[in-house]
Amino acid sequence: MVAYRRDEIISITDLARNLSTTLNSIIDYSKDKLAISKNNKIEAVIIPVDEYERMVEAYEEIENIEIAKIIEERKNSKTITFEELLKQKGINKNDL
């Protein structure tokens, strides 16, 4: 779980009242992130766009690594043709 400092948490009401100033604190990097709270519960986080883009790229890279691992694991496994699978399951290709 991510920890937030007191100055990184802003209520939705304060955000609405001070949107421009609050957004500028993210844009000029005076704050790394802002957690938006509603009814004393953190509901969203605002981060700089370049940080968000780095996070998305990292996530996509992790997904690609996981896919590559699955492909490598399955590379040497026994495979059957679609027709063999249908025959095993007792399905006629014309019924599809």
C-alpha atoms as a PDB file:
ATOM      1  CA  MET A   1       0.000   0.000   0.000  1.00  0.00           C
ATOM      2  CA  VAL A   2       1.255   3.489  -0.854  1.00  0.00           C
ATOM      3  CA  ALA A   3       1.714   5.945   1.981  1.00  0.00           C
ATOM      4  CA  TYR A   4       0.690   9.570   1.571  1.00  0.00           C
ATOM      5  CA  ARG A   5       2.026  12.508   3.511  1.00  0.00           C
ATOM      6  CA  ARG A   6      -0.525  14.867   4.984  1.00  0.00           C
ATOM      7  CA  ASP A   7       0.311  17.542   2.373  1.00  0.00           C
ATOM      8  CA  GLU A   8      -0.316  15.025  -0.431  1.00  0.00           C
ATOM      9  CA  ILE A   9      -3.963  14.432   0.507  1.00  0.00           C
ATOM     10  CA  ILE A  10      -6.647  16.836  -0.657  1.00  0.00           C
ATOM     11  CA  SER A  11     -10.389  16.617  -0.238  1.00  0.00           C
ATOM     12  CA  ILE A  12     -12.577  16.663  -3.313  1.00  0.00           C
ATOM     13  CA  THR A  13     -14.089  19.925  -2.038  1.00  0.00           C
ATOM     14  CA  ASP A  14     -10.695  21.616  -1.712  1.00  0.00           C
ATOM     15  CA  LEU A  15      -9.677  20.281  -5.101  1.00  0.00           C
ATOM     16  CA  ALA A  16     -12.778  21.785  -6.697  1.00  0.00           C
ATOM     17  CA  ARG A  17     -12.136  25.140  -5.010  1.00  0.00           C
ATOM     18  CA  ASN A  18      -8.433  25.228  -5.894  1.00  0.00           C
ATOM     19  CA  LEU A  19      -8.157  23.159  -9.062  1.00  0.00           C
ATOM     20  CA  SER A  20      -5.730  25.400 -10.917  1.00  0.00           C
ATOM     21  CA  THR A  21      -3.350  25.828  -7.978  1.00  0.00           C
ATOM     22  CA  THR A  22      -3.527  22.151  -7.123  1.00  0.00           C
ATOM     23  CA  LEU A  23      -2.868  21.088 -10.702  1.00  0.00           C
ATOM     24  CA  ASN A  24       0.072  23.498 -10.906  1.00  0.00           C
ATOM     25  CA  SER A  25       1.635  21.829  -7.855  1.00  0.00           C
ATOM     26  CA  ILE A  26       1.753  18.606  -9.889  1.00  0.00           C
ATOM     27  CA  ILE A  27       2.839  20.268 -13.134  1.00  0.00           C
ATOM     28  CA  ASP A  28       5.745  22.115 -11.499  1.00  0.00           C
ATOM     29  CA  TYR A  29       6.710  19.010  -9.448  1.00  0.00           C
ATOM     30  CA  SER A  30       6.346  20.737  -6.092  1.00  0.00           C
ATOM     31  CA  LYS A  31       4.296  17.630  -5.253  1.00  0.00           C
ATOM     32  CA  ASP A  32       4.986  14.109  -6.578  1.00  0.00           C
ATOM     33  CA  LYS A  33       1.381  13.026  -6.270  1.00  0.00           C
ATOM     34  CA  LEU A  34      -1.920  14.115  -4.791  1.00  0.00           C
ATOM     35  CA  ALA A  35      -4.404  11.743  -3.246  1.00  0.00           C
ATOM     36  CA  ILE A  36      -7.999  12.909  -3.559  1.00  0.00           C
ATOM     37  CA  SER A  37     -10.240  12.001  -0.663  1.00  0.00           C
ATOM     38  CA  LYS A  38     -13.997  11.835  -0.526  1.00  0.00           C
ATOM     39  CA  ASN A  39     -15.715  11.189   2.803  1.00  0.00           C
ATOM     40  CA  ASN A  40     -12.273  10.606   4.367  1.00  0.00           C
ATOM     41  CA  LYS A  41     -11.468   7.805   1.927  1.00  0.00           C
ATOM     42  CA  ILE A  42      -8.823   8.123  -0.789  1.00  0.00           C
ATOM     43  CA  GLU A  43     -10.600   7.662  -4.107  1.00  0.00           C
ATOM     44  CA  ALA A  44      -8.083   8.805  -6.755  1.00  0.00           C
ATOM     45  CA  VAL A  45      -4.533   9.983  -7.276  1.00  0.00           C
ATOM     46  CA  ILE A  46      -3.213  12.730  -9.527  1.00  0.00           C
ATOM     47  CA  ILE A  47       0.320  12.237 -10.871  1.00  0.00           C
ATOM     48  CA  PRO A  48       2.325  14.019 -13.589  1.00  0.00           C
ATOM     49  CA  VAL A  49       1.585  12.772 -17.091  1.00  0.00           C
ATOM     50  CA  ASP A  50       5.175  11.671 -17.723  1.00  0.00           C
ATOM     51  CA  GLU A  51       5.077   9.531 -14.576  1.00  0.00           C
ATOM     52  CA  TYR A  52       1.784   7.989 -15.708  1.00  0.00           C
ATOM     53  CA  GLU A  53       3.241   7.226 -19.146  1.00  0.00           C
ATOM     54  CA  ARG A  54       6.295   5.559 -17.544  1.00  0.00           C
ATOM     55  CA  MET A  55       3.986   3.442 -15.395  1.00  0.00           C
ATOM     56  CA  VAL A  56       1.938   2.352 -18.411  1.00  0.00           C
ATOM     57  CA  GLU A  57       5.078   1.462 -20.374  1.00  0.00           C
ATOM     58  CA  ALA A  58       6.445  -0.533 -17.428  1.00  0.00           C
ATOM     59  CA  TYR A  59       3.140  -2.384 -17.047  1.00  0.00           C
ATOM     60  CA  GLU A  60       3.076  -3.215 -20.769  1.00  0.00           C
ATOM     61  CA  GLU A  61       6.660  -4.471 -20.589  1.00  0.00           C
ATOM     62  CA  ILE A  62       5.777  -6.731 -17.649  1.00  0.00           C
ATOM     63  CA  GLU A  63       2.801  -8.092 -19.615  1.00  0.00           C
ATOM     64  CA  ASN A  64       5.080  -8.797 -22.601  1.00  0.00           C
ATOM     65  CA  ILE A  65       7.557 -10.642 -20.370  1.00  0.00           C
ATOM     66  CA  GLU A  66       4.737 -12.747 -18.903  1.00  0.00           C
ATOM     67  CA  ILE A  67       3.416 -13.565 -22.392  1.00  0.00           C
ATOM     68  CA  ALA A  68       6.928 -14.538 -23.525  1.00  0.00           C
ATOM     69  CA  LYS A  69       7.259 -16.869 -20.504  1.00  0.00           C
ATOM     70  CA  ILE A  70       3.937 -18.544 -21.342  1.00  0.00           C
ATOM     71  CA  ILE A  71       4.972 -18.982 -24.969  1.00  0.00           C
ATOM     72  CA  GLU A  72       8.313 -20.473 -23.902  1.00  0.00           C
ATOM     73  CA  GLU A  73       6.590 -22.886 -21.499  1.00  0.00           C
ATOM     74  CA  ARG A  74       4.169 -24.008 -24.177  1.00  0.00           C
ATOM     75  CA  LYS A  75       6.763 -24.263 -26.939  1.00  0.00           C
ATOM     76  CA  ASN A  76       7.678 -27.876 -26.124  1.00  0.00           C
ATOM     77  CA  SER A  77       4.235 -29.044 -25.061  1.00  0.00           C
ATOM     78  CA  LYS A  78       2.291 -31.558 -27.098  1.00  0.00           C
ATOM     79  CA  THR A  79      -0.174 -29.964 -29.469  1.00  0.00           C
ATOM     80  CA  ILE A  80      -3.068 -31.339 -31.447  1.00  0.00           C
ATOM     81  CA  THR A  81      -4.862 -30.040 -34.490  1.00  0.00           C
ATOM     82  CA  PHE A  82      -8.278 -28.438 -34.351  1.00  0.00           C
ATOM     83  CA  GLU A  83      -9.715 -31.464 -36.124  1.00  0.00           C
ATOM     84  CA  GLU A  84      -8.205 -33.808 -33.496  1.00  0.00           C
ATOM     85  CA  LEU A  85      -9.713 -31.702 -30.718  1.00  0.00           C
ATOM     86  CA  LEU A  86     -13.154 -31.858 -32.342  1.00  0.00           C
ATOM     87  CA  LYS A  87     -12.843 -35.623 -32.710  1.00  0.00           C
ATOM     88  CA  GLN A  88     -11.839 -36.001 -29.030  1.00  0.00           C
ATOM     89  CA  LYS A  89     -14.844 -33.964 -27.958  1.00  0.00           C
ATOM     90  CA  GLY A  90     -17.191 -35.767 -30.340  1.00  0.00           C
ATOM     91  CA  ILE A  91     -18.037 -32.605 -32.270  1.00  0.00           C
ATOM     92  CA  ASN A  92     -18.739 -32.591 -35.967  1.00  0.00           C
ATOM     93  CA  LYS A  93     -17.026 -29.706 -37.767  1.00  0.00           C
ATOM     94  CA  ASN A  94     -20.188 -29.096 -39.805  1.00  0.00           C
ATOM     95  CA  ASP A  95     -22.149 -28.493 -36.585  1.00  0.00           C
ATOM     96  CA  LEU A  96     -20.064 -25.436 -35.750  1.00  0.00           C
END
